[in-house]
Amino acid sequence: MLILFMAYSSSNKNFLCLYLRKINKLYNILIYRNDYTL
């Protein structure tokens, strides 16, 4: 499963980078909201 994912990501690095950036932005927003509420 992991090997297939690595092979798929290596053929679509640009798409994977954009996907990781979106996840990172959402994750940062959640952390910012949690810190702001605290």
PDB file of N, CA and C in Angstrom:
ATOM      1  N   MET A   1       0.842  -1.202   0.000  1.00  0.00           N
ATOM      2  CA  MET A   1       0.000   0.000   0.000  1.00  0.00           C
ATOM      3  C   MET A   1       0.876   1.250   0.000  1.00  0.00           C
ATOM      4  N   LEU A   2       1.866   1.257   0.866  1.00  0.00           N
ATOM      5  CA  LEU A   2       2.752   2.415   0.953  1.00  0.00           C
ATOM      6  C   LEU A   2       3.600   2.541  -0.302  1.00  0.00           C
ATOM      7  N   ILE A   3       4.032   1.403  -0.846  1.00  0.00           N
ATOM      8  CA  ILE A   3       4.852   1.431  -2.062  1.00  0.00           C
ATOM      9  C   ILE A   3       4.039   1.978  -3.230  1.00  0.00           C
ATOM     10  N   LEU A   4       2.782   1.583  -3.325  1.00  0.00           N
ATOM     11  CA  LEU A   4       1.925   2.084  -4.403  1.00  0.00           C
ATOM     12  C   LEU A   4       1.713   3.580  -4.256  1.00  0.00           C
ATOM     13  N   PHE A   5       1.564   4.032  -3.014  1.00  0.00           N
ATOM     14  CA  PHE A   5       1.371   5.461  -2.777  1.00  0.00           C
ATOM     15  C   PHE A   5       2.625   6.236  -3.148  1.00  0.00           C
ATOM     16  N   MET A   6       3.787   5.681  -2.826  1.00  0.00           N
ATOM     17  CA  MET A   6       5.049   6.347  -3.160  1.00  0.00           C
ATOM     18  C   MET A   6       5.233   6.411  -4.670  1.00  0.00           C
ATOM     19  N   ALA A   7       4.887   5.338  -5.360  1.00  0.00           N
ATOM     20  CA  ALA A   7       5.012   5.319  -6.814  1.00  0.00           C
ATOM     21  C   ALA A   7       4.046   6.315  -7.439  1.00  0.00           C
ATOM     22  N   TYR A   8       2.849   6.420  -6.878  1.00  0.00           N
ATOM     23  CA  TYR A   8       1.855   7.358  -7.396  1.00  0.00           C
ATOM     24  C   TYR A   8       2.281   8.796  -7.128  1.00  0.00           C
ATOM     25  N   SER A   9       2.840   9.048  -5.955  1.00  0.00           N
ATOM     26  CA  SER A   9       3.262  10.407  -5.604  1.00  0.00           C
ATOM     27  C   SER A   9       4.465  10.822  -6.432  1.00  0.00           C
ATOM     28  N   SER A  10       5.349   9.885  -6.754  1.00  0.00           N
ATOM     29  CA  SER A  10       6.533  10.228  -7.541  1.00  0.00           C
ATOM     30  C   SER A  10       6.141  10.621  -8.962  1.00  0.00           C
ATOM     31  N   SER A  11       5.041  10.070  -9.460  1.00  0.00           N
ATOM     32  CA  SER A  11       4.584  10.406 -10.812  1.00  0.00           C
ATOM     33  C   SER A  11       3.719  11.663 -10.808  1.00  0.00           C
ATOM     34  N   ASN A  12       3.296  12.074  -9.630  1.00  0.00           N
ATOM     35  CA  ASN A  12       2.447  13.273  -9.528  1.00  0.00           C
ATOM     36  C   ASN A  12       2.932  14.145  -8.374  1.00  0.00           C
ATOM     37  N   LYS A  13       4.192  14.557  -8.458  1.00  0.00           N
ATOM     38  CA  LYS A  13       4.762  15.344  -7.359  1.00  0.00           C
ATOM     39  C   LYS A  13       4.091  16.702  -7.243  1.00  0.00           C
ATOM     40  N   ASN A  14       3.781  17.326  -8.382  1.00  0.00           N
ATOM     41  CA  ASN A  14       3.153  18.648  -8.341  1.00  0.00           C
ATOM     42  C   ASN A  14       1.793  18.588  -7.658  1.00  0.00           C
ATOM     43  N   PHE A  15       0.998  17.589  -8.017  1.00  0.00           N
ATOM     44  CA  PHE A  15      -0.323  17.438  -7.410  1.00  0.00           C
ATOM     45  C   PHE A  15      -0.200  17.141  -5.924  1.00  0.00           C
ATOM     46  N   LEU A  16       0.787  16.307  -5.571  1.00  0.00           N
ATOM     47  CA  LEU A  16       0.981  15.950  -4.171  1.00  0.00           C
ATOM     48  C   LEU A  16       1.417  17.160  -3.361  1.00  0.00           C
ATOM     49  N   CYS A  17       2.267  17.987  -3.929  1.00  0.00           N
ATOM     50  CA  CYS A  17       2.727  19.190  -3.228  1.00  0.00           C
ATOM     51  C   CYS A  17       1.562  20.137  -2.974  1.00  0.00           C
ATOM     52  N   LEU A  18       0.712  20.324  -3.976  1.00  0.00           N
ATOM     53  CA  LEU A  18      -0.453  21.196  -3.801  1.00  0.00           C
ATOM     54  C   LEU A  18      -1.389  20.620  -2.742  1.00  0.00           C
ATOM     55  N   TYR A  19      -1.540  19.296  -2.747  1.00  0.00           N
ATOM     56  CA  TYR A  19      -2.415  18.642  -1.772  1.00  0.00           C
ATOM     57  C   TYR A  19      -1.866  18.808  -0.361  1.00  0.00           C
ATOM     58  N   LEU A  20      -0.540  18.649  -0.206  1.00  0.00           N
ATOM     59  CA  LEU A  20       0.074  18.806   1.111  1.00  0.00           C
ATOM     60  C   LEU A  20      -0.007  20.249   1.576  1.00  0.00           C
ATOM     61  N   ARG A  21       0.101  21.186   0.648  1.00  0.00           N
ATOM     62  CA  ARG A  21      -0.005  22.596   1.026  1.00  0.00           C
ATOM     63  C   ARG A  21      -1.399  22.918   1.536  1.00  0.00           C
ATOM     64  N   LYS A  22      -2.423  22.348   0.887  1.00  0.00           N
ATOM     65  CA  LYS A  22      -3.799  22.584   1.337  1.00  0.00           C
ATOM     66  C   LYS A  22      -4.003  22.009   2.732  1.00  0.00           C
ATOM     67  N   ILE A  23      -3.474  20.804   2.950  1.00  0.00           N
ATOM     68  CA  ILE A  23      -3.603  20.182   4.274  1.00  0.00           C
ATOM     69  C   ILE A  23      -2.849  21.002   5.310  1.00  0.00           C
ATOM     70  N   ASN A  24      -1.666  21.494   4.949  1.00  0.00           N
ATOM     71  CA  ASN A  24      -0.864  22.282   5.877  1.00  0.00           C
ATOM     72  C   ASN A  24      -1.575  23.575   6.239  1.00  0.00           C
ATOM     73  N   LYS A  25      -2.218  24.210   5.263  1.00  0.00           N
ATOM     74  CA  LYS A  25      -2.950  25.451   5.530  1.00  0.00           C
ATOM     75  C   LYS A  25      -4.116  25.186   6.468  1.00  0.00           C
ATOM     76  N   LEU A  26      -4.875  24.120   6.204  1.00  0.00           N
ATOM     77  CA  LEU A  26      -6.011  23.789   7.069  1.00  0.00           C
ATOM     78  C   LEU A  26      -5.529  23.460   8.471  1.00  0.00           C
ATOM     79  N   TYR A  27      -4.400  22.746   8.563  1.00  0.00           N
ATOM     80  CA  TYR A  27      -3.846  22.365   9.860  1.00  0.00           C
ATOM     81  C   TYR A  27      -3.392  23.597  10.628  1.00  0.00           C
ATOM     82  N   ASN A  28      -2.765  24.540   9.942  1.00  0.00           N
ATOM     83  CA  ASN A  28      -2.321  25.776  10.589  1.00  0.00           C
ATOM     84  C   ASN A  28      -3.510  26.600  11.057  1.00  0.00           C
ATOM     85  N   ILE A  29      -4.583  26.616  10.274  1.00  0.00           N
ATOM     86  CA  ILE A  29      -5.786  27.356  10.667  1.00  0.00           C
ATOM     87  C   ILE A  29      -6.391  26.740  11.927  1.00  0.00           C
ATOM     88  N   LEU A  30      -6.419  25.407  11.985  1.00  0.00           N
ATOM     89  CA  LEU A  30      -6.971  24.744  13.170  1.00  0.00           C
ATOM     90  C   LEU A  30      -6.119  25.043  14.394  1.00  0.00           C
ATOM     91  N   ILE A  31      -4.799  25.006  14.234  1.00  0.00           N
ATOM     92  CA  ILE A  31      -3.905  25.301  15.355  1.00  0.00           C
ATOM     93  C   ILE A  31      -4.076  26.748  15.788  1.00  0.00           C
ATOM     94  N   TYR A  32      -4.194  27.655  14.827  1.00  0.00           N
ATOM     95  CA  TYR A  32      -4.352  29.071  15.149  1.00  0.00           C
ATOM     96  C   TYR A  32      -5.654  29.306  15.908  1.00  0.00           C
ATOM     97  N   ARG A  33      -6.713  28.634  15.485  1.00  0.00           N
ATOM     98  CA  ARG A  33      -8.003  28.787  16.163  1.00  0.00           C
ATOM     99  C   ARG A  33      -7.931  28.231  17.579  1.00  0.00           C
ATOM    100  N   ASN A  34      -7.267  27.084  17.737  1.00  0.00           N
ATOM    101  CA  ASN A  34      -7.148  26.487  19.067  1.00  0.00           C
ATOM    102  C   ASN A  34      -6.331  27.382  19.988  1.00  0.00           C
ATOM    103  N   ASP A  35      -5.245  27.946  19.488  1.00  0.00           N
ATOM    104  CA  ASP A  35      -4.423  28.842  20.299  1.00  0.00           C
ATOM    105  C   ASP A  35      -5.189  30.119  20.612  1.00  0.00           C
ATOM    106  N   TYR A  36      -5.982  30.579  19.653  1.00  0.00           N
ATOM    107  CA  TYR A  36      -6.730  31.821  19.856  1.00  0.00           C
ATOM    108  C   TYR A  36      -7.821  31.634  20.912  1.00  0.00           C
ATOM    109  N   THR A  37      -8.463  30.461  20.899  1.00  0.00           N
ATOM    110  CA  THR A  37      -9.517  30.195  21.877  1.00  0.00           C
ATOM    111  C   THR A  37      -8.916  30.012  23.264  1.00  0.00           C
ATOM    112  N   LEU A  38      -7.713  29.471  23.348  1.00  0.00           N
ATOM    113  CA  LEU A  38      -7.063  29.306  24.645  1.00  0.00           C
ATOM    114  C   LEU A  38      -6.593  30.665  25.146  1.00  0.00           C
TER     115      LEU A  38
END
